[in-house]
Amino acid sequence: MNGNDPNGGRQRGVTIIDIARAAGISKTTVSRVLNGEAGVAPATRTHVTEVAARLGYRANTAARSLRTRSSALVGFLVPHLNEVFSQQAERLSLELRHHGVDLVISTSDWDPVAEVEIVERMASRGVDALVLSLTSDRNPDVARLLKTIDPALVLLDREVRGIAADTVLTDQSGGVEGAVAHLVELGHERIGLISMTDVNRPGREVPAAWRRAGERAGLDFGPELNVALPRFDAASGASATGRLLAADVTAVIACVPEAAIAGVLFDLRDRGVSIPGDLSLVGYHEPVLASAKEPRIAAITRDYGEMGVIAGRLAITRLANRDQRPRIETVGTGFVPASSTAPPRRS
């Protein structure tokens, strides 16, 4: 219904009144749905959205921004656009799009200093909300900045001291403890861990879950069995592999991004170490293409896309009610066994 009419004149755009009339409900309710406000029944929201789409409604976001001082933009800061963060970004974007909000993405390349600059720029350019997956949630400069900026905040698997924000967390215990229990059942006692450093929440939670699982099995996982990586490239993964092999591990759990896990695989290949004959390996969210090869890598898994959906929902409802108490939602992890694990080779 937008565009030129058959007589060469310009048709007026579809209005809220048109949608209300076609949907058989009040224009106030239609306005609340189109502006992404809370307090509308899901069935009503779906009905209004479908009617608006059928009539060819196009939101005038520029006019709405002038009326509401809203940019209809959410900023998403991630350390790197790997498969994990790409999945989160895609689902976050789709969730926001349902409410007429678009996503702006920036990456820090795992640089805590750059993150401060990026957050400051996004806030100054008027985004309505920020979804943050920080390289370091212990950076005091980030904490100070977040206390002073206006956009609504959603933290993605991060906890910043002194900041009360809506948060999506990962419960690492199910996947990590499941992987350790599986390896112990196969007969492994020297189980190494490659993790992030403790400057962010996963780097604290994963080793804690690994140690708990070891204690439950009556094993003492000493510090020499945990290599924490400050960067996540192939060279870092290869270096971690060498350190763990020197510690006589018979299995490795690699809870790091796929670039570092690729370095583990490259290093094992170059050393002539077979999987699982010489070493059992568990990865962290094995990519789809990698799962097609043999041996298929056993993996700790979580629904990364669902984390994006939840973050989007938290951002939208926060914008509708800035005074509500901060909310925390948690996504669990699981363990999927595969052919990359086997009983340790006996000398």
C-alpha atoms as a PDB file:
ATOM      1  CA  MET A   1       0.000   0.000   0.000  1.00  0.00           C
ATOM      2  CA  ASN A   2       3.052   2.254  -0.013  1.00  0.00           C
ATOM      3  CA  GLY A   3       4.212   3.523  -3.357  1.00  0.00           C
ATOM      4  CA  ASN A   4       2.519   4.902  -6.462  1.00  0.00           C
ATOM      5  CA  ASP A   5      -1.144   4.268  -7.187  1.00  0.00           C
ATOM      6  CA  PRO A   6      -2.377   3.138 -10.641  1.00  0.00           C
ATOM      7  CA  ASN A   7      -3.329   6.719 -11.561  1.00  0.00           C
ATOM      8  CA  GLY A   8       0.187   8.010 -11.053  1.00  0.00           C
ATOM      9  CA  GLY A   9      -0.519   9.644  -7.700  1.00  0.00           C
ATOM     10  CA  ARG A  10       1.253   8.885  -4.467  1.00  0.00           C
ATOM     11  CA  GLN A  11      -0.684   6.724  -2.033  1.00  0.00           C
ATOM     12  CA  ARG A  12      -0.607   7.659   1.622  1.00  0.00           C
ATOM     13  CA  GLY A  13       1.216   5.251   3.884  1.00  0.00           C
ATOM     14  CA  VAL A  14      -0.603   2.737   6.020  1.00  0.00           C
ATOM     15  CA  THR A  15      -1.381   4.254   9.412  1.00  0.00           C
ATOM     16  CA  ILE A  16      -1.965   2.898  12.890  1.00  0.00           C
ATOM     17  CA  ILE A  17      -5.653   3.702  12.413  1.00  0.00           C
ATOM     18  CA  ASP A  18      -5.739   1.510   9.278  1.00  0.00           C
ATOM     19  CA  ILE A  19      -4.172  -1.388  11.171  1.00  0.00           C
ATOM     20  CA  ALA A  20      -6.488  -0.927  14.164  1.00  0.00           C
ATOM     21  CA  ARG A  21      -9.542  -0.952  11.908  1.00  0.00           C
ATOM     22  CA  ALA A  22      -8.391  -4.074  10.034  1.00  0.00           C
ATOM     23  CA  ALA A  23      -7.367  -5.879  13.229  1.00  0.00           C
ATOM     24  CA  GLY A  24     -10.522  -4.927  15.112  1.00  0.00           C
ATOM     25  CA  ILE A  25      -8.673  -3.522  18.135  1.00  0.00           C
ATOM     26  CA  SER A  26      -7.837  -0.095  19.517  1.00  0.00           C
ATOM     27  CA  LYS A  27      -5.194   2.128  17.979  1.00  0.00           C
ATOM     28  CA  THR A  28      -3.580   2.396  21.431  1.00  0.00           C
ATOM     29  CA  THR A  29      -2.945  -1.353  21.479  1.00  0.00           C
ATOM     30  CA  VAL A  30      -1.631  -1.252  17.917  1.00  0.00           C
ATOM     31  CA  SER A  31       0.746   1.554  18.884  1.00  0.00           C
ATOM     32  CA  ARG A  32       2.047  -0.409  21.861  1.00  0.00           C
ATOM     33  CA  VAL A  33       2.738  -3.435  19.663  1.00  0.00           C
ATOM     34  CA  LEU A  34       4.469  -1.455  16.921  1.00  0.00           C
ATOM     35  CA  ASN A  35       6.622   0.366  19.471  1.00  0.00           C
ATOM     36  CA  GLY A  36       7.665  -2.890  21.150  1.00  0.00           C
ATOM     37  CA  GLU A  37       6.089  -2.042  24.479  1.00  0.00           C
ATOM     38  CA  ALA A  38       5.457  -4.697  27.131  1.00  0.00           C
ATOM     39  CA  GLY A  39       2.067  -5.673  28.549  1.00  0.00           C
ATOM     40  CA  VAL A  40       0.440  -6.912  25.326  1.00  0.00           C
ATOM     41  CA  ALA A  41      -0.860 -10.474  25.106  1.00  0.00           C
ATOM     42  CA  PRO A  42       1.281 -12.636  22.773  1.00  0.00           C
ATOM     43  CA  ALA A  43      -1.725 -13.565  20.608  1.00  0.00           C
ATOM     44  CA  THR A  44      -2.633  -9.892  20.204  1.00  0.00           C
ATOM     45  CA  ARG A  45       0.940  -8.962  19.359  1.00  0.00           C
ATOM     46  CA  THR A  46       1.079 -11.696  16.717  1.00  0.00           C
ATOM     47  CA  HIS A  47      -2.292 -10.648  15.254  1.00  0.00           C
ATOM     48  CA  VAL A  48      -1.293  -6.984  14.997  1.00  0.00           C
ATOM     49  CA  THR A  49       2.080  -7.849  13.461  1.00  0.00           C
ATOM     50  CA  GLU A  50       0.463 -10.084  10.845  1.00  0.00           C
ATOM     51  CA  VAL A  51      -2.151  -7.449   9.938  1.00  0.00           C
ATOM     52  CA  ALA A  52       0.515  -4.751   9.686  1.00  0.00           C
ATOM     53  CA  ALA A  53       2.614  -6.934   7.398  1.00  0.00           C
ATOM     54  CA  ARG A  54      -0.402  -7.809   5.227  1.00  0.00           C
ATOM     55  CA  LEU A  55      -1.273  -4.129   4.802  1.00  0.00           C
ATOM     56  CA  GLY A  56       2.314  -3.275   3.937  1.00  0.00           C
ATOM     57  CA  TYR A  57       2.973  -1.089   6.960  1.00  0.00           C
ATOM     58  CA  ARG A  58       6.427   0.467   7.150  1.00  0.00           C
ATOM     59  CA  ALA A  59       7.467   2.135  10.400  1.00  0.00           C
ATOM     60  CA  ASN A  60       8.689   5.700  10.074  1.00  0.00           C
ATOM     61  CA  THR A  61      11.688   5.226  12.346  1.00  0.00           C
ATOM     62  CA  ALA A  62      13.054   8.727  11.741  1.00  0.00           C
ATOM     63  CA  ALA A  63       9.804  10.350  12.890  1.00  0.00           C
ATOM     64  CA  ARG A  64       9.525   7.968  15.828  1.00  0.00           C
ATOM     65  CA  SER A  65      13.079   8.808  16.868  1.00  0.00           C
ATOM     66  CA  LEU A  66      12.240  12.511  16.932  1.00  0.00           C
ATOM     67  CA  ARG A  67       9.133  11.855  19.038  1.00  0.00           C
ATOM     68  CA  THR A  68      10.705   9.454  21.499  1.00  0.00           C
ATOM     69  CA  ARG A  69      14.400  10.439  21.346  1.00  0.00           C
ATOM     70  CA  SER A  70      15.028   6.796  20.466  1.00  0.00           C
ATOM     71  CA  SER A  71      17.443   5.602  17.788  1.00  0.00           C
ATOM     72  CA  ALA A  72      15.862   2.133  17.487  1.00  0.00           C
ATOM     73  CA  LEU A  73      19.422   0.783  17.541  1.00  0.00           C
ATOM     74  CA  VAL A  74      21.131  -1.692  19.885  1.00  0.00           C
ATOM     75  CA  GLY A  75      24.909  -1.963  20.011  1.00  0.00           C
ATOM     76  CA  PHE A  76      26.512  -5.408  20.301  1.00  0.00           C
ATOM     77  CA  LEU A  77      30.161  -5.614  21.373  1.00  0.00           C
ATOM     78  CA  VAL A  78      31.953  -8.944  21.031  1.00  0.00           C
ATOM     79  CA  PRO A  79      35.645  -9.887  21.205  1.00  0.00           C
ATOM     80  CA  HIS A  80      35.608 -11.572  17.794  1.00  0.00           C
ATOM     81  CA  LEU A  81      33.093 -12.660  15.167  1.00  0.00           C
ATOM     82  CA  ASN A  82      33.747 -16.385  15.400  1.00  0.00           C
ATOM     83  CA  GLU A  83      30.994 -18.971  14.961  1.00  0.00           C
ATOM     84  CA  VAL A  84      29.773 -18.591  18.538  1.00  0.00           C
ATOM     85  CA  PHE A  85      29.382 -14.821  18.492  1.00  0.00           C
ATOM     86  CA  SER A  86      28.012 -14.902  14.936  1.00  0.00           C
ATOM     87  CA  GLN A  87      25.207 -17.216  16.068  1.00  0.00           C
ATOM     88  CA  GLN A  88      24.449 -14.942  18.990  1.00  0.00           C
ATOM     89  CA  ALA A  89      24.449 -11.869  16.754  1.00  0.00           C
ATOM     90  CA  GLU A  90      22.130 -13.463  14.204  1.00  0.00           C
ATOM     91  CA  ARG A  91      19.525 -14.513  16.746  1.00  0.00           C
ATOM     92  CA  LEU A  92      19.827 -11.246  18.670  1.00  0.00           C
ATOM     93  CA  SER A  93      19.273  -9.307  15.447  1.00  0.00           C
ATOM     94  CA  LEU A  94      16.199 -11.350  14.544  1.00  0.00           C
ATOM     95  CA  GLU A  95      14.698 -10.887  18.001  1.00  0.00           C
ATOM     96  CA  LEU A  96      15.217  -7.120  17.840  1.00  0.00           C
ATOM     97  CA  ARG A  97      13.857  -6.905  14.313  1.00  0.00           C
ATOM     98  CA  HIS A  98      10.474  -8.144  15.530  1.00  0.00           C
ATOM     99  CA  HIS A  99      10.262  -4.882  17.474  1.00  0.00           C
ATOM    100  CA  GLY A 100      11.531  -2.559  14.739  1.00  0.00           C
ATOM    101  CA  VAL A 101      15.008  -2.313  16.268  1.00  0.00           C
ATOM    102  CA  ASP A 102      18.269  -2.855  14.390  1.00  0.00           C
ATOM    103  CA  LEU A 103      21.630  -4.174  15.567  1.00  0.00           C
ATOM    104  CA  VAL A 104      25.034  -2.478  15.298  1.00  0.00           C
ATOM    105  CA  ILE A 105      28.006  -4.818  15.831  1.00  0.00           C
ATOM    106  CA  SER A 106      31.575  -4.005  16.778  1.00  0.00           C
ATOM    107  CA  THR A 107      34.506  -6.254  17.694  1.00  0.00           C
ATOM    108  CA  SER A 108      37.445  -5.580  20.009  1.00  0.00           C
ATOM    109  CA  ASP A 109      39.830  -8.326  18.837  1.00  0.00           C
ATOM    110  CA  TRP A 110      40.129  -9.396  22.489  1.00  0.00           C
ATOM    111  CA  ASP A 111      41.538  -5.978  23.431  1.00  0.00           C
ATOM    112  CA  PRO A 112      40.198  -4.602  26.773  1.00  0.00           C
ATOM    113  CA  VAL A 113      41.486  -1.098  25.989  1.00  0.00           C
ATOM    114  CA  ALA A 114      39.660  -1.040  22.658  1.00  0.00           C
ATOM    115  CA  GLU A 115      36.469  -2.152  24.408  1.00  0.00           C
ATOM    116  CA  VAL A 116      36.371   1.015  26.501  1.00  0.00           C
ATOM    117  CA  GLU A 117      36.684   3.149  23.376  1.00  0.00           C
ATOM    118  CA  ILE A 118      34.025   1.169  21.497  1.00  0.00           C
ATOM    119  CA  VAL A 119      31.497   1.329  24.336  1.00  0.00           C
ATOM    120  CA  GLU A 120      32.068   5.070  24.677  1.00  0.00           C
ATOM    121  CA  ARG A 121      31.568   5.646  20.934  1.00  0.00           C
ATOM    122  CA  MET A 122      28.409   3.544  20.758  1.00  0.00           C
ATOM    123  CA  ALA A 123      26.915   5.361  23.735  1.00  0.00           C
ATOM    124  CA  SER A 124      27.791   8.789  22.280  1.00  0.00           C
ATOM    125  CA  ARG A 125      26.115   7.870  18.984  1.00  0.00           C
ATOM    126  CA  GLY A 126      22.808   7.304  20.736  1.00  0.00           C
ATOM    127  CA  VAL A 127      22.170   3.564  20.736  1.00  0.00           C
ATOM    128  CA  ASP A 128      19.218   2.695  22.967  1.00  0.00           C
ATOM    129  CA  ALA A 129      20.878  -0.340  24.546  1.00  0.00           C
ATOM    130  CA  LEU A 130      24.201  -2.148  24.666  1.00  0.00           C
ATOM    131  CA  VAL A 131      24.681  -5.920  24.719  1.00  0.00           C
ATOM    132  CA  LEU A 132      28.210  -6.586  25.918  1.00  0.00           C
ATOM    133  CA  SER A 133      30.387  -9.693  25.786  1.00  0.00           C
ATOM    134  CA  LEU A 134      33.561  -8.199  27.199  1.00  0.00           C
ATOM    135  CA  THR A 135      37.057  -9.613  26.877  1.00  0.00           C
ATOM    136  CA  SER A 136      37.612  -8.586  30.489  1.00  0.00           C
ATOM    137  CA  ASP A 137      34.779  -7.987  32.932  1.00  0.00           C
ATOM    138  CA  ARG A 138      37.407  -7.082  35.563  1.00  0.00           C
ATOM    139  CA  ASN A 139      38.655  -4.006  33.704  1.00  0.00           C
ATOM    140  CA  PRO A 140      38.032  -1.083  36.125  1.00  0.00           C
ATOM    141  CA  ASP A 141      37.908   1.388  33.225  1.00  0.00           C
ATOM    142  CA  VAL A 142      34.919  -0.462  31.762  1.00  0.00           C
ATOM    143  CA  ALA A 143      33.180  -0.525  35.135  1.00  0.00           C
ATOM    144  CA  ARG A 144      33.660   3.225  35.582  1.00  0.00           C
ATOM    145  CA  LEU A 145      32.354   3.934  32.079  1.00  0.00           C
ATOM    146  CA  LEU A 146      29.270   1.751  32.428  1.00  0.00           C
ATOM    147  CA  LYS A 147      28.255   3.710  35.534  1.00  0.00           C
ATOM    148  CA  THR A 148      28.117   6.940  33.533  1.00  0.00           C
ATOM    149  CA  ILE A 149      26.452   6.078  30.212  1.00  0.00           C
ATOM    150  CA  ASP A 150      22.747   6.211  29.375  1.00  0.00           C
ATOM    151  CA  PRO A 151      21.989   3.155  27.177  1.00  0.00           C
ATOM    152  CA  ALA A 152      20.288   0.172  28.789  1.00  0.00           C
ATOM    153  CA  LEU A 153      22.763  -2.652  29.457  1.00  0.00           C
ATOM    154  CA  VAL A 154      22.648  -6.400  28.895  1.00  0.00           C
ATOM    155  CA  LEU A 155      25.736  -8.386  29.876  1.00  0.00           C
ATOM    156  CA  LEU A 156      26.356 -11.589  27.956  1.00  0.00           C
ATOM    157  CA  ASP A 157      28.035 -14.153  30.228  1.00  0.00           C
ATOM    158  CA  ARG A 158      29.866 -11.398  32.065  1.00  0.00           C
ATOM    159  CA  GLU A 159      29.723  -9.931  35.595  1.00  0.00           C
ATOM    160  CA  VAL A 160      31.055  -6.394  36.085  1.00  0.00           C
ATOM    161  CA  ARG A 161      31.649  -5.383  39.697  1.00  0.00           C
ATOM    162  CA  GLY A 162      29.401  -2.546  40.820  1.00  0.00           C
ATOM    163  CA  ILE A 163      27.123  -2.794  37.768  1.00  0.00           C
ATOM    164  CA  ALA A 164      23.570  -4.068  38.206  1.00  0.00           C
ATOM    165  CA  ALA A 165      22.450  -4.992  34.686  1.00  0.00           C
ATOM    166  CA  ASP A 166      20.248  -7.511  32.940  1.00  0.00           C
ATOM    167  CA  THR A 167      22.449 -10.553  32.345  1.00  0.00           C
ATOM    168  CA  VAL A 168      22.480 -13.793  30.364  1.00  0.00           C
ATOM    169  CA  LEU A 169      24.739 -16.330  32.068  1.00  0.00           C
ATOM    170  CA  THR A 170      26.043 -19.771  31.168  1.00  0.00           C
ATOM    171  CA  ASP A 171      25.942 -22.554  33.739  1.00  0.00           C
ATOM    172  CA  GLN A 172      29.193 -24.322  32.865  1.00  0.00           C
ATOM    173  CA  SER A 173      28.769 -27.122  35.401  1.00  0.00           C
ATOM    174  CA  GLY A 174      26.636 -29.521  33.368  1.00  0.00           C
ATOM    175  CA  GLY A 175      28.934 -29.686  30.356  1.00  0.00           C
ATOM    176  CA  VAL A 176      32.309 -29.528  32.093  1.00  0.00           C
ATOM    177  CA  GLU A 177      31.420 -31.950  34.863  1.00  0.00           C
ATOM    178  CA  GLY A 178      29.792 -34.262  32.319  1.00  0.00           C
ATOM    179  CA  ALA A 179      32.981 -34.293  30.236  1.00  0.00           C
ATOM    180  CA  VAL A 180      35.182 -35.030  33.258  1.00  0.00           C
ATOM    181  CA  ALA A 181      32.855 -37.801  34.461  1.00  0.00           C
ATOM    182  CA  HIS A 182      32.925 -39.361  30.974  1.00  0.00           C
ATOM    183  CA  LEU A 183      36.722 -39.319  30.830  1.00  0.00           C
ATOM    184  CA  VAL A 184      37.048 -40.687  34.366  1.00  0.00           C
ATOM    185  CA  GLU A 185      34.701 -43.523  33.458  1.00  0.00           C
ATOM    186  CA  LEU A 186      37.003 -44.357  30.553  1.00  0.00           C
ATOM    187  CA  GLY A 187      39.904 -44.594  33.020  1.00  0.00           C
ATOM    188  CA  HIS A 188      41.585 -41.193  32.699  1.00  0.00           C
ATOM    189  CA  GLU A 189      43.159 -39.615  35.771  1.00  0.00           C
ATOM    190  CA  ARG A 190      45.417 -36.937  34.248  1.00  0.00           C
ATOM    191  CA  ILE A 191      42.821 -34.690  32.578  1.00  0.00           C
ATOM    192  CA  GLY A 192      44.176 -31.359  31.383  1.00  0.00           C
ATOM    193  CA  LEU A 193      42.142 -28.201  30.815  1.00  0.00           C
ATOM    194  CA  ILE A 194      42.674 -25.347  28.370  1.00  0.00           C
ATOM    195  CA  SER A 195      40.582 -22.378  29.441  1.00  0.00           C
ATOM    196  CA  MET A 196      40.282 -18.621  29.262  1.00  0.00           C
ATOM    197  CA  THR A 197      41.979 -16.521  31.921  1.00  0.00           C
ATOM    198  CA  ASP A 198      40.030 -15.391  34.966  1.00  0.00           C
ATOM    199  CA  VAL A 199      39.492 -11.870  33.619  1.00  0.00           C
ATOM    200  CA  ASN A 200      36.050 -12.950  32.430  1.00  0.00           C
ATOM    201  CA  ARG A 201      33.318 -15.125  33.891  1.00  0.00           C
ATOM    202  CA  PRO A 202      33.818 -18.228  31.680  1.00  0.00           C
ATOM    203  CA  GLY A 203      37.517 -18.154  32.604  1.00  0.00           C
ATOM    204  CA  ARG A 204      36.506 -18.392  36.252  1.00  0.00           C
ATOM    205  CA  GLU A 205      33.545 -20.757  36.003  1.00  0.00           C
ATOM    206  CA  VAL A 206      35.034 -23.420  33.710  1.00  0.00           C
ATOM    207  CA  PRO A 207      38.121 -24.202  35.861  1.00  0.00           C
ATOM    208  CA  ALA A 208      35.936 -24.190  38.986  1.00  0.00           C
ATOM    209  CA  ALA A 209      33.601 -26.780  37.447  1.00  0.00           C
ATOM    210  CA  TRP A 210      36.603 -28.855  36.274  1.00  0.00           C
ATOM    211  CA  ARG A 211      38.098 -28.878  39.775  1.00  0.00           C
ATOM    212  CA  ARG A 212      34.759 -29.802  41.373  1.00  0.00           C
ATOM    213  CA  ALA A 213      34.389 -32.726  39.005  1.00  0.00           C
ATOM    214  CA  GLY A 214      37.917 -33.903  39.797  1.00  0.00           C
ATOM    215  CA  GLU A 215      37.279 -33.742  43.524  1.00  0.00           C
ATOM    216  CA  ARG A 216      34.052 -35.693  43.063  1.00  0.00           C
ATOM    217  CA  ALA A 217      36.056 -38.415  41.311  1.00  0.00           C
ATOM    218  CA  GLY A 218      38.737 -38.412  44.017  1.00  0.00           C
ATOM    219  CA  LEU A 219      41.331 -36.788  41.726  1.00  0.00           C
ATOM    220  CA  ASP A 220      43.585 -33.829  42.480  1.00  0.00           C
ATOM    221  CA  PHE A 221      43.694 -31.547  39.448  1.00  0.00           C
ATOM    222  CA  GLY A 222      46.765 -29.450  40.194  1.00  0.00           C
ATOM    223  CA  PRO A 223      47.556 -26.066  38.573  1.00  0.00           C
ATOM    224  CA  GLU A 224      49.977 -27.678  36.126  1.00  0.00           C
ATOM    225  CA  LEU A 225      46.983 -29.321  34.454  1.00  0.00           C
ATOM    226  CA  ASN A 226      45.215 -26.027  33.671  1.00  0.00           C
ATOM    227  CA  VAL A 227      46.576 -23.742  30.955  1.00  0.00           C
ATOM    228  CA  ALA A 228      44.696 -20.420  30.753  1.00  0.00           C
ATOM    229  CA  LEU A 229      45.065 -18.572  27.444  1.00  0.00           C
ATOM    230  CA  PRO A 230      45.126 -14.765  27.187  1.00  0.00           C
ATOM    231  CA  ARG A 231      44.601 -15.002  23.394  1.00  0.00           C
ATOM    232  CA  PHE A 232      42.781 -17.481  21.220  1.00  0.00           C
ATOM    233  CA  ASP A 233      44.755 -18.190  18.091  1.00  0.00           C
ATOM    234  CA  ALA A 234      46.394 -21.326  16.712  1.00  0.00           C
ATOM    235  CA  ALA A 235      49.781 -20.498  18.225  1.00  0.00           C
ATOM    236  CA  SER A 236      48.255 -20.203  21.707  1.00  0.00           C
ATOM    237  CA  GLY A 237      46.453 -23.524  21.311  1.00  0.00           C
ATOM    238  CA  ALA A 238      49.649 -25.238  20.171  1.00  0.00           C
ATOM    239  CA  SER A 239      51.620 -23.803  23.107  1.00  0.00           C
ATOM    240  CA  ALA A 240      49.006 -25.038  25.576  1.00  0.00           C
ATOM    241  CA  THR A 241      49.130 -28.502  24.048  1.00  0.00           C
ATOM    242  CA  GLY A 242      52.883 -28.737  24.562  1.00  0.00           C
ATOM    243  CA  ARG A 243      52.587 -27.734  28.209  1.00  0.00           C
ATOM    244  CA  LEU A 244      49.888 -30.295  28.922  1.00  0.00           C
ATOM    245  CA  LEU A 245      51.705 -33.105  27.136  1.00  0.00           C
ATOM    246  CA  ALA A 246      54.751 -32.285  29.269  1.00  0.00           C
ATOM    247  CA  ALA A 247      52.506 -32.734  32.313  1.00  0.00           C
ATOM    248  CA  ASP A 248      51.711 -36.302  31.155  1.00  0.00           C
ATOM    249  CA  VAL A 249      47.981 -35.784  30.562  1.00  0.00           C
ATOM    250  CA  THR A 250      46.050 -38.546  28.830  1.00  0.00           C
ATOM    251  CA  ALA A 251      43.049 -36.345  28.030  1.00  0.00           C
ATOM    252  CA  VAL A 252      42.454 -32.651  27.315  1.00  0.00           C
ATOM    253  CA  ILE A 253      39.306 -30.563  27.665  1.00  0.00           C
ATOM    254  CA  ALA A 254      39.687 -27.429  25.520  1.00  0.00           C
ATOM    255  CA  CYS A 255      37.138 -24.794  26.601  1.00  0.00           C
ATOM    256  CA  VAL A 256      38.344 -22.068  24.261  1.00  0.00           C
ATOM    257  CA  PRO A 257      37.258 -20.642  20.873  1.00  0.00           C
ATOM    258  CA  GLU A 258      37.727 -22.769  17.791  1.00  0.00           C
ATOM    259  CA  ALA A 259      40.845 -20.975  16.524  1.00  0.00           C
ATOM    260  CA  ALA A 260      42.748 -22.116  19.615  1.00  0.00           C
ATOM    261  CA  ILE A 261      41.309 -25.639  19.351  1.00  0.00           C
ATOM    262  CA  ALA A 262      42.539 -25.724  15.752  1.00  0.00           C
ATOM    263  CA  GLY A 263      46.001 -24.978  17.110  1.00  0.00           C
ATOM    264  CA  VAL A 264      45.662 -27.955  19.466  1.00  0.00           C
ATOM    265  CA  LEU A 265      44.770 -30.215  16.551  1.00  0.00           C
ATOM    266  CA  PHE A 266      47.583 -28.894  14.356  1.00  0.00           C
ATOM    267  CA  ASP A 267      50.145 -29.395  17.115  1.00  0.00           C
ATOM    268  CA  LEU A 268      48.984 -32.938  17.865  1.00  0.00           C
ATOM    269  CA  ARG A 269      49.167 -33.783  14.178  1.00  0.00           C
ATOM    270  CA  ASP A 270      52.685 -32.370  13.880  1.00  0.00           C
ATOM    271  CA  ARG A 271      53.796 -34.353  16.939  1.00  0.00           C
ATOM    272  CA  GLY A 272      52.285 -37.550  15.563  1.00  0.00           C
ATOM    273  CA  VAL A 273      49.894 -37.811  18.527  1.00  0.00           C
ATOM    274  CA  SER A 274      46.754 -39.668  17.500  1.00  0.00           C
ATOM    275  CA  ILE A 275      43.211 -38.945  18.725  1.00  0.00           C
ATOM    276  CA  PRO A 276      41.945 -40.870  20.616  1.00  0.00           C
ATOM    277  CA  GLY A 277      44.678 -43.519  20.549  1.00  0.00           C
ATOM    278  CA  ASP A 278      47.323 -41.407  22.286  1.00  0.00           C
ATOM    279  CA  LEU A 279      45.184 -38.609  23.688  1.00  0.00           C
ATOM    280  CA  SER A 280      41.461 -38.094  24.264  1.00  0.00           C
ATOM    281  CA  LEU A 281      40.124 -34.655  23.352  1.00  0.00           C
ATOM    282  CA  VAL A 282      36.970 -32.746  24.288  1.00  0.00           C
ATOM    283  CA  GLY A 283      36.219 -29.442  22.576  1.00  0.00           C
ATOM    284  CA  TYR A 284      33.870 -26.567  23.230  1.00  0.00           C
ATOM    285  CA  HIS A 285      30.973 -26.296  20.786  1.00  0.00           C
ATOM    286  CA  GLU A 286      32.462 -28.077  17.794  1.00  0.00           C
ATOM    287  CA  PRO A 287      31.599 -26.301  14.525  1.00  0.00           C
ATOM    288  CA  VAL A 288      29.218 -28.054  12.141  1.00  0.00           C
ATOM    289  CA  LEU A 289      31.808 -28.690   9.417  1.00  0.00           C
ATOM    290  CA  ALA A 290      34.321 -30.102  11.914  1.00  0.00           C
ATOM    291  CA  SER A 291      31.730 -32.571  13.172  1.00  0.00           C
ATOM    292  CA  ALA A 292      31.679 -34.215   9.729  1.00  0.00           C
ATOM    293  CA  LYS A 293      35.289 -35.440  10.009  1.00  0.00           C
ATOM    294  CA  GLU A 294      36.742 -38.363  11.932  1.00  0.00           C
ATOM    295  CA  PRO A 295      37.389 -38.540  14.706  1.00  0.00           C
ATOM    296  CA  ARG A 296      34.388 -36.439  15.575  1.00  0.00           C
ATOM    297  CA  ILE A 297      35.293 -34.238  18.524  1.00  0.00           C
ATOM    298  CA  ALA A 298      33.369 -34.808  21.748  1.00  0.00           C
ATOM    299  CA  ALA A 299      32.054 -31.448  22.859  1.00  0.00           C
ATOM    300  CA  ILE A 300      30.683 -29.336  25.665  1.00  0.00           C
ATOM    301  CA  THR A 301      27.669 -27.639  24.137  1.00  0.00           C
ATOM    302  CA  ARG A 302      25.255 -24.823  24.834  1.00  0.00           C
ATOM    303  CA  ASP A 303      22.591 -23.034  22.796  1.00  0.00           C
ATOM    304  CA  TYR A 304      24.427 -19.907  21.676  1.00  0.00           C
ATOM    305  CA  GLY A 305      21.512 -18.771  19.556  1.00  0.00           C
ATOM    306  CA  GLU A 306      19.169 -18.914  22.532  1.00  0.00           C
ATOM    307  CA  MET A 307      21.531 -16.620  24.407  1.00  0.00           C
ATOM    308  CA  GLY A 308      21.059 -14.050  21.641  1.00  0.00           C
ATOM    309  CA  VAL A 309      17.284 -14.393  21.789  1.00  0.00           C
ATOM    310  CA  ILE A 310      17.262 -13.893  25.561  1.00  0.00           C
ATOM    311  CA  ALA A 311      19.577 -10.887  25.310  1.00  0.00           C
ATOM    312  CA  GLY A 312      17.255  -9.311  22.740  1.00  0.00           C
ATOM    313  CA  ARG A 313      14.203  -9.896  24.895  1.00  0.00           C
ATOM    314  CA  LEU A 314      15.921  -8.424  27.943  1.00  0.00           C
ATOM    315  CA  ALA A 315      16.976  -5.344  25.972  1.00  0.00           C
ATOM    316  CA  ILE A 316      13.496  -4.708  24.569  1.00  0.00           C
ATOM    317  CA  THR A 317      11.705  -5.124  27.884  1.00  0.00           C
ATOM    318  CA  ARG A 318      14.315  -2.970  29.633  1.00  0.00           C
ATOM    319  CA  LEU A 319      13.678  -0.164  27.149  1.00  0.00           C
ATOM    320  CA  ALA A 320       9.943  -0.465  27.840  1.00  0.00           C
ATOM    321  CA  ASN A 321      10.516  -0.185  31.596  1.00  0.00           C
ATOM    322  CA  ARG A 322      13.831   1.284  32.688  1.00  0.00           C
ATOM    323  CA  ASP A 323      12.807   1.107  36.369  1.00  0.00           C
ATOM    324  CA  GLN A 324      12.385  -2.668  36.700  1.00  0.00           C
ATOM    325  CA  ARG A 325      14.885  -4.637  38.751  1.00  0.00           C
ATOM    326  CA  PRO A 326      17.822  -6.235  36.878  1.00  0.00           C
ATOM    327  CA  ARG A 327      17.101  -9.758  35.698  1.00  0.00           C
ATOM    328  CA  ILE A 328      19.410 -12.747  35.311  1.00  0.00           C
ATOM    329  CA  GLU A 329      18.641 -15.641  32.963  1.00  0.00           C
ATOM    330  CA  THR A 330      20.818 -18.731  32.643  1.00  0.00           C
ATOM    331  CA  VAL A 331      21.530 -21.104  29.757  1.00  0.00           C
ATOM    332  CA  GLY A 332      22.823 -24.557  30.638  1.00  0.00           C
ATOM    333  CA  THR A 333      25.568 -26.639  29.047  1.00  0.00           C
ATOM    334  CA  GLY A 334      25.670 -30.310  28.141  1.00  0.00           C
ATOM    335  CA  PHE A 335      28.214 -32.882  27.049  1.00  0.00           C
ATOM    336  CA  VAL A 336      28.033 -34.813  23.786  1.00  0.00           C
ATOM    337  CA  PRO A 337      30.406 -37.833  23.594  1.00  0.00           C
ATOM    338  CA  ALA A 338      31.997 -38.746  20.291  1.00  0.00           C
ATOM    339  CA  SER A 339      34.846 -40.732  18.778  1.00  0.00           C
ATOM    340  CA  SER A 340      37.624 -38.407  20.010  1.00  0.00           C
ATOM    341  CA  THR A 341      37.663 -40.077  23.441  1.00  0.00           C
ATOM    342  CA  ALA A 342      38.744 -43.589  24.414  1.00  0.00           C
ATOM    343  CA  PRO A 343      40.375 -45.384  27.374  1.00  0.00           C
ATOM    344  CA  PRO A 344      43.960 -44.210  27.990  1.00  0.00           C
ATOM    345  CA  ARG A 345      46.714 -46.203  26.372  1.00  0.00           C
ATOM    346  CA  ARG A 346      48.495 -48.386  28.897  1.00  0.00           C
ATOM    347  CA  SER A 347      52.282 -48.359  28.709  1.00  0.00           C
END
